[in-house]
Protein backbone atom coordinates (compact mmCIF):
# COMPACT_ATOMS: atom_id res chain seq x y z
CA UNK A 1 93.68 121.84 111.29
CA UNK A 2 92.02 120.17 108.46
CA UNK A 3 94.41 119.26 105.66
CA UNK A 4 97.06 121.81 106.87
CA UNK A 5 98.73 120.47 109.96
CA UNK A 6 102.07 122.10 108.91
CA UNK A 7 100.32 125.54 109.00
CA UNK A 8 98.50 125.36 112.16
CA UNK A 9 101.50 123.89 113.89
CA UNK A 10 104.03 126.69 112.41
CA UNK A 11 101.66 129.19 113.70
CA UNK A 12 101.31 127.37 117.22
CA UNK A 13 105.31 127.67 117.24
CA UNK A 14 104.90 131.49 116.64
CA UNK A 15 102.07 132.34 118.89
CA UNK A 16 102.40 129.22 121.85
CA UNK A 17 99.45 127.98 123.71
CA UNK A 18 99.71 126.04 127.02
CA UNK A 19 98.08 122.74 125.49
CA UNK A 20 96.94 121.73 122.06
CA UNK A 21 95.13 118.61 120.90
CA UNK A 22 95.70 117.47 117.27
CA UNK A 23 92.91 115.11 116.39
CA UNK A 24 92.02 113.69 113.20
CA UNK A 25 90.76 110.65 111.26
CA UNK A 26 92.95 107.50 110.56
CA UNK A 27 94.18 108.73 106.97
CA UNK A 28 95.26 112.26 107.72
CA UNK A 29 96.72 111.30 111.17
CA UNK A 30 98.75 108.23 109.30
CA UNK A 31 100.09 111.03 106.89
CA UNK A 32 101.19 113.00 109.88
CA UNK A 33 102.83 109.78 111.15
CA UNK A 34 104.56 109.39 108.11
CA UNK A 35 106.22 112.86 108.20
CA UNK A 36 103.67 114.76 106.14
CA UNK A 37 102.35 118.14 107.18
CA UNK A 38 100.23 118.93 104.45
CA UNK A 39 97.57 116.22 104.70
CA UNK A 40 95.47 117.31 101.51
CA UNK A 41 94.74 114.22 99.38
CA UNK A 42 96.18 116.04 96.17
CA UNK A 43 99.39 116.29 98.14
CA UNK A 44 99.97 112.31 98.13
CA UNK A 45 98.65 109.35 99.78
CA UNK A 46 99.27 107.48 103.17
CA UNK A 47 102.09 104.43 102.25
CA UNK A 48 100.35 101.23 103.25
CA UNK A 49 103.59 99.27 103.02
CA UNK A 50 104.80 101.65 105.96
CA UNK A 51 101.26 101.28 107.60
CA UNK A 52 101.96 97.45 107.62
CA UNK A 53 105.06 97.97 108.92
CA UNK A 54 103.94 99.72 111.86
CA UNK A 55 101.20 97.12 112.56
CA UNK A 56 103.80 94.31 112.26
CA UNK A 57 105.61 96.22 115.10
CA UNK A 58 102.40 96.37 116.92
CA UNK A 59 101.78 92.74 117.21
CA UNK A 60 100.11 92.11 113.91
CA UNK A 61 100.33 88.37 112.37
CA UNK A 62 102.00 88.14 109.08
CA UNK A 63 98.64 87.24 107.38
CA UNK A 64 97.12 90.78 109.00
CA UNK A 65 100.24 92.58 107.58
CA UNK A 66 99.70 91.59 103.97
CA UNK A 67 96.17 92.08 104.35
CA UNK A 68 97.07 95.81 105.50
CA UNK A 69 99.45 95.74 102.49
CA UNK A 70 96.43 94.93 99.94
CA UNK A 71 93.62 97.13 101.82
CA UNK A 72 92.09 99.70 99.54
CA UNK A 73 92.32 102.39 101.96
CA UNK A 74 93.77 103.40 105.28
CA UNK A 75 90.41 103.09 107.02
CA UNK A 76 90.03 99.60 105.78
CA UNK A 77 93.28 98.84 107.19
CA UNK A 78 92.42 100.30 110.60
CA UNK A 79 89.31 98.11 110.49
CA UNK A 80 91.29 95.09 110.01
CA UNK A 81 93.66 95.88 112.57
CA UNK A 82 90.94 96.66 115.08
CA UNK A 83 89.20 93.24 114.15
CA UNK A 84 92.40 91.57 115.24
CA UNK A 85 92.95 93.53 118.44
CA UNK A 86 96.14 95.25 117.19
CA UNK A 87 96.48 98.88 118.72
CA UNK A 88 97.54 100.26 115.32
CA UNK A 89 96.15 103.66 116.37
CA UNK A 90 98.20 104.05 119.36
CA UNK A 91 101.26 103.63 117.39
CA UNK A 92 100.10 106.02 114.65
CA UNK A 93 99.14 108.53 117.24
CA UNK A 94 102.58 108.17 118.61
CA UNK A 95 104.41 108.56 115.29
CA UNK A 96 102.41 111.39 114.45
CA UNK A 97 103.00 113.10 117.82
CA UNK A 98 106.67 112.99 117.02
CA UNK A 99 106.23 114.73 113.65
CA UNK A 100 104.15 117.44 115.49
CA UNK A 101 106.28 117.67 118.21
CA UNK A 102 109.12 118.36 115.90
CA UNK A 103 107.50 121.59 114.53
CA UNK A 104 106.46 122.88 117.94
CA UNK A 105 110.13 121.97 119.89
CA UNK A 106 111.23 124.38 122.22
CA UNK A 107 107.69 126.19 122.73
CA UNK A 108 106.99 124.39 125.73
CA UNK A 109 103.63 123.40 124.24
CA UNK A 110 101.84 120.17 125.61
CA UNK A 111 100.79 118.22 122.84
CA UNK A 112 98.23 115.35 122.41
CA UNK A 113 97.18 113.56 119.45
CA UNK A 114 93.90 111.74 118.86
CA UNK A 115 92.85 109.21 116.08
CA UNK A 116 89.34 108.70 115.14
CA UNK A 117 88.04 106.38 112.39
CA UNK A 118 84.85 107.58 110.41
CA UNK A 119 82.34 106.22 112.93
CA UNK A 120 83.66 108.90 115.26
CA UNK A 121 85.57 105.72 117.56
CA UNK A 122 88.84 106.72 119.34
CA UNK A 123 91.34 104.54 117.85
CA UNK A 124 94.64 105.81 119.07
CA UNK A 125 95.89 108.27 121.36
CA UNK A 126 99.16 109.73 122.66
CA UNK A 127 98.60 111.65 125.80
CA UNK A 128 99.73 115.13 126.79
CA UNK A 129 103.62 115.47 126.60
CA UNK A 130 105.86 118.51 126.40
CA UNK A 131 106.98 119.06 122.72
């Protein structure tokens, strides 16, 4: 899907398939989780304050929440969360699924979301559910 998740999802809404997996890096999936459908860097950055709030709801300590707020990148924030055993990727996958499913609503498509880091490690997953 690259940067244009919205275009891909709208195409699928009009041309449904049985199942679709949306996979991407931590930054693009965080932007999708935050409701953005155009994930290109020129269209805006992920909100680290909002990401810190998600981490807090996922069990991050106050110290980790502050470190995520101050992170230079989303990738750094995910590394910090992973080092502390906080399942930030699963929370982002779930929120990204909600954004994507809203576009696919009523199509009957089963949707799965996968979040990967730059090393190719699976950081989070939302299993197939009907949109």
